[in-house]
Amino acid sequence: MPAESQRMSAIAGQLSAMPANVTVPSGAIVAHVLTDGNVDDAPTGLALIGTVGGDISCVTANGAYDTVAIYEAAAGRDATVVVPPTKTAAVSRRRPRSSARDHTIMRVKKIGRRQWKKESRYHRQARAENAFFRYKSIISDRLRARHSKAQDTEAVVACNILNRMTELGRPASFAIGR
């Protein structure tokens, strides 16, 4: 498969913002997957949720992940979901389809999309997007390897490099006496 047709998605422990996911507060990429450029985001997100070892406390993603399957996968890992519902989203008529998704839809309708994003801390999704910005600006916006196994290795090495750079470049801050 040519490198130009590949796309990378990553996921993390506490903050799970697809397509790029990083842990909070470390900013580390803890899992990734390479897909064709035409693959739907939601099934990739499901696969990534399943591959993350350890606990996931929150899955944060954009509206492309507003599916019952994402809510069910997150619930299976005891994680909350912070995904804005699509503008045409409707409460499910079948019970108990996804009460968490229904709750989100009703909350957005009640207080508005902007207030819901503030209340749910949806802005954390930007950290994941920033991980892709770092990947594309520091490493490359495409894969160089031609074969799928080499592309997987390239992505693993690149994620490890970014994780190490993030680890070295983040200051340890703490409050001093008052």
N, C-alpha and C. Protein backbone atom coordinates (compact mmCIF):
# COMPACT_ATOMS: atom_id res chain seq x y z
N MET A 1 0.84 -1.17 0.00
CA MET A 1 0.00 0.00 0.00
C MET A 1 0.89 1.24 0.00
N PRO A 2 0.70 2.19 -0.90
CA PRO A 2 1.55 3.37 -0.97
C PRO A 2 1.44 4.21 0.30
N ALA A 3 2.55 4.83 0.67
CA ALA A 3 2.60 5.62 1.90
C ALA A 3 1.62 6.78 1.86
N GLU A 4 1.37 7.35 0.70
CA GLU A 4 0.50 8.52 0.61
C GLU A 4 -0.94 8.19 0.98
N SER A 5 -1.34 6.93 0.84
CA SER A 5 -2.73 6.57 1.10
C SER A 5 -2.95 6.12 2.55
N GLN A 6 -1.92 6.19 3.37
CA GLN A 6 -2.02 5.79 4.76
C GLN A 6 -2.39 6.99 5.63
N ARG A 7 -3.04 6.71 6.73
CA ARG A 7 -3.41 7.72 7.69
C ARG A 7 -3.16 7.13 9.06
N MET A 8 -2.70 7.93 9.99
CA MET A 8 -2.43 7.41 11.32
C MET A 8 -3.44 7.93 12.31
N SER A 9 -3.92 7.04 13.16
CA SER A 9 -4.77 7.41 14.28
C SER A 9 -4.09 6.91 15.54
N ALA A 10 -4.25 7.61 16.61
CA ALA A 10 -3.64 7.21 17.86
C ALA A 10 -4.64 7.38 18.99
N ILE A 11 -4.41 6.69 20.09
CA ILE A 11 -5.31 6.79 21.24
C ILE A 11 -4.52 6.80 22.53
N ALA A 12 -5.14 7.28 23.58
CA ALA A 12 -4.45 7.35 24.85
C ALA A 12 -5.34 6.95 26.00
N GLY A 13 -4.71 6.89 27.16
CA GLY A 13 -5.38 6.43 28.36
C GLY A 13 -6.47 7.33 28.87
N GLN A 14 -6.16 8.46 29.49
CA GLN A 14 -7.20 9.28 30.09
C GLN A 14 -7.95 10.09 29.05
N LEU A 15 -7.25 10.75 28.19
CA LEU A 15 -7.93 11.52 27.16
C LEU A 15 -7.92 10.71 25.90
N SER A 16 -9.05 10.42 25.39
CA SER A 16 -9.15 9.63 24.18
C SER A 16 -9.87 10.45 23.13
N ALA A 17 -9.12 11.16 22.37
CA ALA A 17 -9.72 12.00 21.36
C ALA A 17 -9.31 11.46 20.03
N MET A 18 -10.23 10.88 19.35
CA MET A 18 -9.90 10.36 18.06
C MET A 18 -9.90 11.49 17.06
N PRO A 19 -9.16 11.50 16.00
CA PRO A 19 -8.29 10.43 15.59
C PRO A 19 -6.95 10.39 16.29
N ALA A 20 -6.59 11.43 17.02
CA ALA A 20 -5.34 11.38 17.76
C ALA A 20 -5.67 11.40 19.22
N ASN A 21 -5.06 10.55 19.99
CA ASN A 21 -5.39 10.51 21.40
C ASN A 21 -4.14 10.48 22.23
N VAL A 22 -4.15 11.28 23.25
CA VAL A 22 -2.99 11.42 24.13
C VAL A 22 -3.45 11.36 25.57
N THR A 23 -2.56 10.98 26.46
CA THR A 23 -2.93 10.95 27.86
C THR A 23 -2.83 12.34 28.45
N VAL A 24 -3.64 12.59 29.43
CA VAL A 24 -3.59 13.85 30.16
C VAL A 24 -3.06 13.52 31.53
N PRO A 25 -2.12 14.21 32.10
CA PRO A 25 -1.51 15.42 31.58
C PRO A 25 -0.21 15.20 30.82
N SER A 26 0.23 13.95 30.65
CA SER A 26 1.55 13.71 30.06
C SER A 26 1.64 14.04 28.58
N GLY A 27 0.55 13.90 27.84
CA GLY A 27 0.59 14.16 26.40
C GLY A 27 1.17 13.01 25.60
N ALA A 28 1.33 11.84 26.21
CA ALA A 28 1.94 10.70 25.54
C ALA A 28 0.95 9.98 24.64
N ILE A 29 1.43 9.51 23.51
CA ILE A 29 0.64 8.67 22.61
C ILE A 29 0.82 7.24 23.10
N VAL A 30 -0.27 6.55 23.42
CA VAL A 30 -0.15 5.21 23.99
C VAL A 30 -0.56 4.10 23.05
N ALA A 31 -1.21 4.42 21.94
CA ALA A 31 -1.56 3.41 20.93
C ALA A 31 -1.80 4.12 19.61
N HIS A 32 -1.62 3.40 18.53
CA HIS A 32 -1.86 3.97 17.21
C HIS A 32 -2.30 2.88 16.26
N VAL A 33 -2.85 3.28 15.16
CA VAL A 33 -3.23 2.34 14.10
C VAL A 33 -3.09 3.05 12.76
N LEU A 34 -2.65 2.32 11.76
CA LEU A 34 -2.56 2.85 10.41
C LEU A 34 -3.74 2.32 9.61
N THR A 35 -4.39 3.20 8.88
CA THR A 35 -5.54 2.80 8.07
C THR A 35 -5.43 3.42 6.69
N ASP A 36 -6.24 2.92 5.76
CA ASP A 36 -6.36 3.58 4.47
C ASP A 36 -6.97 4.95 4.69
N GLY A 37 -6.71 5.88 3.81
CA GLY A 37 -7.23 7.23 3.95
C GLY A 37 -8.73 7.33 3.85
N ASN A 38 -9.39 6.29 3.34
CA ASN A 38 -10.84 6.36 3.17
C ASN A 38 -11.61 5.58 4.23
N VAL A 39 -10.96 5.17 5.31
CA VAL A 39 -11.61 4.41 6.37
C VAL A 39 -12.38 5.37 7.28
N ASP A 40 -13.58 4.94 7.67
CA ASP A 40 -14.41 5.73 8.57
C ASP A 40 -13.77 5.82 9.95
N ASP A 41 -13.88 6.98 10.60
CA ASP A 41 -13.24 7.19 11.89
C ASP A 41 -13.82 6.32 13.01
N ALA A 42 -15.14 6.18 13.07
CA ALA A 42 -15.76 5.49 14.21
C ALA A 42 -15.29 4.04 14.37
N PRO A 43 -15.26 3.21 13.33
CA PRO A 43 -14.75 1.84 13.53
C PRO A 43 -13.28 1.81 13.97
N THR A 44 -12.50 2.76 13.49
CA THR A 44 -11.10 2.84 13.92
C THR A 44 -11.04 3.19 15.40
N GLY A 45 -11.91 4.10 15.82
CA GLY A 45 -11.98 4.46 17.23
C GLY A 45 -12.34 3.28 18.10
N LEU A 46 -13.26 2.46 17.64
CA LEU A 46 -13.65 1.26 18.39
C LEU A 46 -12.46 0.33 18.56
N ALA A 47 -11.72 0.13 17.48
CA ALA A 47 -10.54 -0.74 17.55
C ALA A 47 -9.51 -0.19 18.53
N LEU A 48 -9.31 1.12 18.51
CA LEU A 48 -8.32 1.73 19.39
C LEU A 48 -8.73 1.65 20.85
N ILE A 49 -10.00 1.85 21.13
CA ILE A 49 -10.48 1.73 22.51
C ILE A 49 -10.18 0.33 23.03
N GLY A 50 -10.36 -0.66 22.17
CA GLY A 50 -10.10 -2.04 22.56
C GLY A 50 -8.63 -2.36 22.77
N THR A 51 -7.73 -1.64 22.10
CA THR A 51 -6.31 -1.97 22.20
C THR A 51 -5.60 -1.30 23.37
N VAL A 52 -6.18 -0.28 23.93
CA VAL A 52 -5.51 0.42 25.03
C VAL A 52 -5.51 -0.44 26.27
N GLY A 53 -4.33 -0.65 26.82
CA GLY A 53 -4.22 -1.39 28.07
C GLY A 53 -4.48 -0.46 29.24
N GLY A 54 -4.93 -1.00 30.34
CA GLY A 54 -5.16 -0.18 31.52
C GLY A 54 -6.51 0.52 31.47
N ASP A 55 -6.64 1.49 32.36
CA ASP A 55 -7.91 2.19 32.49
C ASP A 55 -8.04 3.33 31.50
N ILE A 56 -9.26 3.55 31.06
CA ILE A 56 -9.61 4.73 30.27
C ILE A 56 -10.70 5.43 31.06
N SER A 57 -10.48 6.68 31.42
CA SER A 57 -11.50 7.38 32.19
C SER A 57 -12.45 8.17 31.30
N CYS A 58 -11.96 8.62 30.14
CA CYS A 58 -12.79 9.48 29.30
C CYS A 58 -12.40 9.31 27.84
N VAL A 59 -13.41 9.21 26.99
CA VAL A 59 -13.20 9.17 25.55
C VAL A 59 -13.73 10.49 25.00
N THR A 60 -12.83 11.30 24.48
CA THR A 60 -13.21 12.60 23.93
C THR A 60 -12.91 12.59 22.45
N ALA A 61 -13.90 12.96 21.63
CA ALA A 61 -13.72 12.91 20.19
C ALA A 61 -14.64 13.92 19.52
N ASN A 62 -14.42 14.11 18.22
CA ASN A 62 -15.30 15.02 17.49
C ASN A 62 -16.59 14.31 17.09
N GLY A 63 -17.49 15.02 16.44
CA GLY A 63 -18.81 14.50 16.11
C GLY A 63 -18.82 13.29 15.21
N ALA A 64 -17.73 13.01 14.51
CA ALA A 64 -17.67 11.82 13.65
C ALA A 64 -17.78 10.54 14.47
N TYR A 65 -17.54 10.62 15.77
CA TYR A 65 -17.59 9.46 16.65
C TYR A 65 -18.88 9.37 17.43
N ASP A 66 -19.89 10.16 17.05
CA ASP A 66 -21.18 10.14 17.73
C ASP A 66 -21.98 8.92 17.26
N THR A 67 -21.57 7.76 17.76
CA THR A 67 -22.26 6.52 17.42
C THR A 67 -22.56 5.76 18.71
N VAL A 68 -23.59 4.96 18.66
CA VAL A 68 -23.95 4.14 19.81
C VAL A 68 -22.81 3.18 20.14
N ALA A 69 -22.13 2.67 19.11
CA ALA A 69 -21.03 1.72 19.32
C ALA A 69 -19.90 2.34 20.14
N ILE A 70 -19.57 3.60 19.89
CA ILE A 70 -18.52 4.28 20.68
C ILE A 70 -18.95 4.38 22.14
N TYR A 71 -20.20 4.77 22.37
CA TYR A 71 -20.71 4.87 23.74
C TYR A 71 -20.68 3.51 24.43
N GLU A 72 -21.04 2.46 23.72
CA GLU A 72 -21.05 1.12 24.31
C GLU A 72 -19.63 0.63 24.61
N ALA A 73 -18.69 0.90 23.68
CA ALA A 73 -17.30 0.49 23.90
C ALA A 73 -16.70 1.23 25.10
N ALA A 74 -17.00 2.50 25.20
CA ALA A 74 -16.49 3.29 26.33
C ALA A 74 -17.12 2.81 27.64
N ALA A 75 -18.42 2.54 27.62
CA ALA A 75 -19.09 2.04 28.82
C ALA A 75 -18.50 0.71 29.26
N GLY A 76 -18.10 -0.11 28.29
CA GLY A 76 -17.47 -1.38 28.61
C GLY A 76 -16.13 -1.22 29.31
N ARG A 77 -15.52 -0.06 29.17
CA ARG A 77 -14.24 0.23 29.83
C ARG A 77 -14.45 1.18 31.01
N ASP A 78 -15.69 1.40 31.42
CA ASP A 78 -16.05 2.33 32.51
C ASP A 78 -15.56 3.74 32.24
N ALA A 79 -15.64 4.16 30.99
CA ALA A 79 -15.20 5.50 30.60
C ALA A 79 -16.40 6.36 30.25
N THR A 80 -16.29 7.64 30.53
CA THR A 80 -17.32 8.57 30.09
C THR A 80 -17.01 8.97 28.65
N VAL A 81 -18.01 9.44 27.94
CA VAL A 81 -17.85 9.85 26.55
C VAL A 81 -18.14 11.33 26.44
N VAL A 82 -17.21 12.06 25.82
CA VAL A 82 -17.40 13.48 25.54
C VAL A 82 -17.30 13.64 24.03
N VAL A 83 -18.44 13.47 23.38
CA VAL A 83 -18.55 13.59 21.92
C VAL A 83 -19.77 14.43 21.63
N PRO A 84 -19.58 15.55 20.93
CA PRO A 84 -20.76 16.36 20.63
C PRO A 84 -21.68 15.62 19.66
N PRO A 85 -22.97 15.58 19.97
CA PRO A 85 -23.88 14.89 19.06
C PRO A 85 -24.01 15.66 17.75
N THR A 86 -24.32 14.96 16.68
CA THR A 86 -24.54 15.63 15.41
C THR A 86 -25.74 16.56 15.57
N LYS A 87 -25.83 17.56 14.72
CA LYS A 87 -26.91 18.54 14.85
C LYS A 87 -28.29 17.91 14.66
N THR A 88 -28.35 16.80 13.94
CA THR A 88 -29.64 16.13 13.70
C THR A 88 -29.87 14.95 14.64
N ALA A 89 -29.05 14.80 15.67
CA ALA A 89 -29.17 13.66 16.59
C ALA A 89 -30.52 13.69 17.31
N ALA A 90 -31.08 12.51 17.48
CA ALA A 90 -32.34 12.38 18.19
C ALA A 90 -32.20 11.32 19.28
N VAL A 91 -32.97 11.49 20.34
CA VAL A 91 -32.96 10.53 21.43
C VAL A 91 -33.48 9.20 20.90
N SER A 92 -32.83 8.12 21.30
CA SER A 92 -33.18 6.78 20.84
C SER A 92 -34.56 6.38 21.35
N ARG A 93 -35.33 5.75 20.50
CA ARG A 93 -36.66 5.28 20.91
C ARG A 93 -36.59 3.91 21.54
N ARG A 94 -35.53 3.17 21.22
CA ARG A 94 -35.36 1.83 21.78
C ARG A 94 -34.59 1.92 23.09
N ARG A 95 -35.07 1.23 24.09
CA ARG A 95 -34.38 1.24 25.37
C ARG A 95 -33.73 -0.11 25.59
N PRO A 96 -32.68 -0.26 26.27
CA PRO A 96 -31.76 0.77 26.74
C PRO A 96 -30.62 0.95 25.75
N ARG A 97 -30.85 1.52 24.63
CA ARG A 97 -29.89 1.68 23.55
C ARG A 97 -28.60 2.33 24.04
N SER A 98 -28.65 3.60 24.32
CA SER A 98 -27.47 4.29 24.87
C SER A 98 -27.97 5.46 25.70
N SER A 99 -28.23 5.19 26.94
CA SER A 99 -28.75 6.26 27.79
C SER A 99 -27.73 7.38 27.95
N ALA A 100 -26.44 7.08 27.91
CA ALA A 100 -25.42 8.14 28.01
C ALA A 100 -25.49 9.06 26.79
N ARG A 101 -25.65 8.48 25.62
CA ARG A 101 -25.77 9.29 24.41
C ARG A 101 -27.06 10.12 24.46
N ASP A 102 -28.15 9.50 24.88
CA ASP A 102 -29.41 10.22 25.00
C ASP A 102 -29.28 11.39 25.97
N HIS A 103 -28.59 11.15 27.09
CA HIS A 103 -28.37 12.21 28.07
C HIS A 103 -27.60 13.38 27.44
N THR A 104 -26.57 13.06 26.66
CA THR A 104 -25.78 14.10 26.00
C THR A 104 -26.64 14.89 25.03
N ILE A 105 -27.44 14.21 24.24
CA ILE A 105 -28.31 14.89 23.27
C ILE A 105 -29.28 15.83 23.99
N MET A 106 -29.89 15.34 25.06
CA MET A 106 -30.84 16.18 25.80
C MET A 106 -30.14 17.36 26.47
N ARG A 107 -28.93 17.15 26.97
CA ARG A 107 -28.19 18.23 27.64
C ARG A 107 -27.81 19.31 26.64
N VAL A 108 -27.36 18.91 25.46
CA VAL A 108 -27.00 19.89 24.43
C VAL A 108 -28.23 20.69 24.01
N LYS A 109 -29.35 20.02 23.87
CA LYS A 109 -30.58 20.73 23.50
C LYS A 109 -31.01 21.70 24.59
N LYS A 110 -30.77 21.34 25.85
CA LYS A 110 -31.20 22.17 26.97
C LYS A 110 -30.32 23.41 27.16
N ILE A 111 -29.00 23.24 27.14
CA ILE A 111 -28.11 24.37 27.45
C ILE A 111 -27.37 24.93 26.25
N GLY A 112 -27.43 24.27 25.11
CA GLY A 112 -26.75 24.74 23.92
C GLY A 112 -25.39 24.08 23.75
N ARG A 113 -24.96 23.99 22.50
CA ARG A 113 -23.71 23.31 22.16
C ARG A 113 -22.49 23.98 22.78
N ARG A 114 -22.41 25.29 22.72
CA ARG A 114 -21.24 26.01 23.27
C ARG A 114 -21.10 25.78 24.77
N GLN A 115 -22.20 25.92 25.50
CA GLN A 115 -22.15 25.72 26.96
C GLN A 115 -21.85 24.27 27.29
N TRP A 116 -22.39 23.32 26.52
CA TRP A 116 -22.10 21.92 26.76
C TRP A 116 -20.61 21.64 26.60
N LYS A 117 -19.99 22.23 25.58
CA LYS A 117 -18.55 22.02 25.38
C LYS A 117 -17.75 22.52 26.56
N LYS A 118 -18.15 23.66 27.13
CA LYS A 118 -17.45 24.18 28.31
C LYS A 118 -17.68 23.26 29.51
N GLU A 119 -18.93 22.90 29.71
CA GLU A 119 -19.31 22.08 30.85
C GLU A 119 -18.65 20.70 30.83
N SER A 120 -18.55 20.12 29.65
CA SER A 120 -18.00 18.77 29.52
C SER A 120 -16.48 18.75 29.34
N ARG A 121 -15.88 19.93 29.25
CA ARG A 121 -14.43 20.07 29.03
C ARG A 121 -14.02 19.47 27.69
N TYR A 122 -14.85 19.66 26.70
CA TYR A 122 -14.59 19.16 25.35
C TYR A 122 -13.30 19.73 24.77
N HIS A 123 -12.88 20.91 25.25
CA HIS A 123 -11.66 21.54 24.74
C HIS A 123 -10.42 20.65 24.89
N ARG A 124 -10.48 19.64 25.75
CA ARG A 124 -9.33 18.73 25.91
C ARG A 124 -9.01 17.99 24.63
N GLN A 125 -9.99 17.91 23.73
CA GLN A 125 -9.77 17.22 22.46
C GLN A 125 -8.65 17.90 21.67
N ALA A 126 -8.44 19.18 21.90
CA ALA A 126 -7.39 19.91 21.19
C ALA A 126 -6.00 19.35 21.49
N ARG A 127 -5.82 18.75 22.65
CA ARG A 127 -4.51 18.15 22.97
C ARG A 127 -4.19 17.01 22.00
N ALA A 128 -5.19 16.25 21.67
CA ALA A 128 -5.00 15.16 20.72
C ALA A 128 -4.70 15.70 19.34
N GLU A 129 -5.42 16.72 18.93
CA GLU A 129 -5.16 17.34 17.63
C GLU A 129 -3.74 17.90 17.60
N ASN A 130 -3.29 18.42 18.73
CA ASN A 130 -1.93 18.95 18.82
C ASN A 130 -0.90 17.85 18.64
N ALA A 131 -1.21 16.64 19.08
CA ALA A 131 -0.29 15.51 18.89
C ALA A 131 -0.08 15.25 17.40
N PHE A 132 -1.14 15.35 16.61
CA PHE A 132 -0.99 15.17 15.17
C PHE A 132 -0.25 16.33 14.54
N PHE A 133 -0.47 17.52 15.03
CA PHE A 133 0.28 18.67 14.53
C PHE A 133 1.77 18.45 14.77
N ARG A 134 2.12 17.99 15.98
CA ARG A 134 3.52 17.71 16.29
C ARG A 134 4.05 16.61 15.37
N TYR A 135 3.28 15.55 15.17
CA TYR A 135 3.72 14.46 14.31
C TYR A 135 4.00 14.97 12.90
N LYS A 136 3.05 15.72 12.35
CA LYS A 136 3.18 16.19 10.97
C LYS A 136 4.27 17.25 10.81
N SER A 137 4.45 18.11 11.81
CA SER A 137 5.45 19.17 11.65
C SER A 137 6.87 18.71 12.03
N ILE A 138 6.99 17.79 12.97
CA ILE A 138 8.32 17.33 13.40
C ILE A 138 8.77 16.11 12.60
N ILE A 139 7.89 15.15 12.43
CA ILE A 139 8.26 13.89 11.75
C ILE A 139 8.01 14.04 10.25
N SER A 140 6.76 14.08 9.85
CA SER A 140 6.40 14.23 8.44
C SER A 140 4.89 14.15 8.32
N ASP A 141 4.36 14.67 7.24
CA ASP A 141 2.92 14.57 7.03
C ASP A 141 2.55 13.31 6.25
N ARG A 142 3.53 12.46 5.97
CA ARG A 142 3.26 11.18 5.31
C ARG A 142 4.32 10.17 5.72
N LEU A 143 4.01 8.92 5.44
CA LEU A 143 4.94 7.84 5.75
C LEU A 143 5.92 7.67 4.60
N ARG A 144 7.15 7.34 4.93
CA ARG A 144 8.17 7.17 3.91
C ARG A 144 8.29 5.73 3.43
N ALA A 145 8.02 4.79 4.34
CA ALA A 145 8.16 3.37 4.01
C ALA A 145 7.09 2.96 2.99
N ARG A 146 7.42 1.93 2.20
CA ARG A 146 6.50 1.48 1.15
C ARG A 146 5.66 0.28 1.55
N HIS A 147 6.17 -0.55 2.41
CA HIS A 147 5.47 -1.78 2.78
C HIS A 147 4.79 -1.61 4.14
N SER A 148 3.65 -2.29 4.31
CA SER A 148 2.83 -2.08 5.50
C SER A 148 3.57 -2.38 6.80
N LYS A 149 4.37 -3.44 6.83
CA LYS A 149 5.10 -3.77 8.06
C LYS A 149 6.11 -2.68 8.39
N ALA A 150 6.79 -2.16 7.38
CA ALA A 150 7.75 -1.08 7.59
C ALA A 150 7.03 0.22 7.99
N GLN A 151 5.83 0.44 7.45
CA GLN A 151 5.06 1.62 7.82
C GLN A 151 4.63 1.55 9.29
N ASP A 152 4.24 0.36 9.74
CA ASP A 152 3.89 0.17 11.15
C ASP A 152 5.10 0.49 12.04
N THR A 153 6.25 -0.02 11.66
CA THR A 153 7.48 0.24 12.42
C THR A 153 7.80 1.73 12.43
N GLU A 154 7.67 2.37 11.27
CA GLU A 154 7.93 3.81 11.17
C GLU A 154 7.02 4.59 12.12
N ALA A 155 5.75 4.23 12.17
CA ALA A 155 4.80 4.93 13.04
C ALA A 155 5.13 4.71 14.52
N VAL A 156 5.51 3.49 14.89
CA VAL A 156 5.88 3.20 16.28
C VAL A 156 7.09 4.02 16.68
N VAL A 157 8.11 4.04 15.82
CA VAL A 157 9.33 4.80 16.12
C VAL A 157 9.01 6.29 16.25
N ALA A 158 8.21 6.81 15.34
CA ALA A 158 7.85 8.22 15.37
C ALA A 158 7.08 8.57 16.65
N CYS A 159 6.13 7.73 17.04
CA CYS A 159 5.38 7.97 18.27
C CYS A 159 6.29 7.93 19.49
N ASN A 160 7.23 6.99 19.50
CA ASN A 160 8.18 6.92 20.61
C ASN A 160 9.07 8.15 20.67
N ILE A 161 9.49 8.65 19.52
CA ILE A 161 10.30 9.88 19.48
C ILE A 161 9.50 11.05 20.04
N LEU A 162 8.25 11.20 19.58
CA LEU A 162 7.42 12.30 20.08
C LEU A 162 7.16 12.18 21.57
N ASN A 163 6.92 10.96 22.04
CA ASN A 163 6.70 10.76 23.47
C ASN A 163 7.94 11.16 24.27
N ARG A 164 9.10 10.78 23.78
CA ARG A 164 10.34 11.13 24.48
C ARG A 164 10.56 12.64 24.47
N MET A 165 10.32 13.28 23.34
CA MET A 165 10.47 14.74 23.24
C MET A 165 9.50 15.44 24.18
N THR A 166 8.27 14.93 24.25
CA THR A 166 7.27 15.51 25.15
C THR A 166 7.70 15.35 26.60
N GLU A 167 8.21 14.18 26.92
CA GLU A 167 8.68 13.91 28.28
C GLU A 167 9.82 14.84 28.68
N LEU A 168 10.75 15.07 27.77
CA LEU A 168 11.90 15.93 28.07
C LEU A 168 11.54 17.41 28.10
N GLY A 169 10.53 17.79 27.30
CA GLY A 169 10.24 19.21 27.14
C GLY A 169 9.18 19.79 28.03
N ARG A 170 8.54 18.99 28.85
CA ARG A 170 7.50 19.51 29.72
C ARG A 170 8.09 19.85 31.08
N PRO A 171 7.90 21.07 31.53
CA PRO A 171 8.45 21.44 32.82
C PRO A 171 7.62 20.84 33.97
N ALA A 172 8.27 20.56 35.05
CA ALA A 172 7.57 20.10 36.25
C ALA A 172 7.24 21.35 37.06
N SER A 173 5.97 21.69 37.16
CA SER A 173 5.54 22.89 37.86
C SER A 173 4.91 22.53 39.19
N PHE A 174 5.14 23.36 40.18
CA PHE A 174 4.50 23.15 41.48
C PHE A 174 4.43 24.49 42.20
N ALA A 175 3.47 24.60 43.08
CA ALA A 175 3.27 25.85 43.84
C ALA A 175 4.28 25.89 44.98
N ILE A 176 4.80 27.10 45.23
CA ILE A 176 5.69 27.27 46.37
C ILE A 176 4.96 28.04 47.47
N GLY A 177 5.36 27.79 48.70
CA GLY A 177 4.71 28.36 49.90
C GLY A 177 3.94 29.64 49.70
N ARG A 178 2.90 29.76 50.45
CA ARG A 178 2.04 30.95 50.37
C ARG A 178 2.23 31.80 51.58
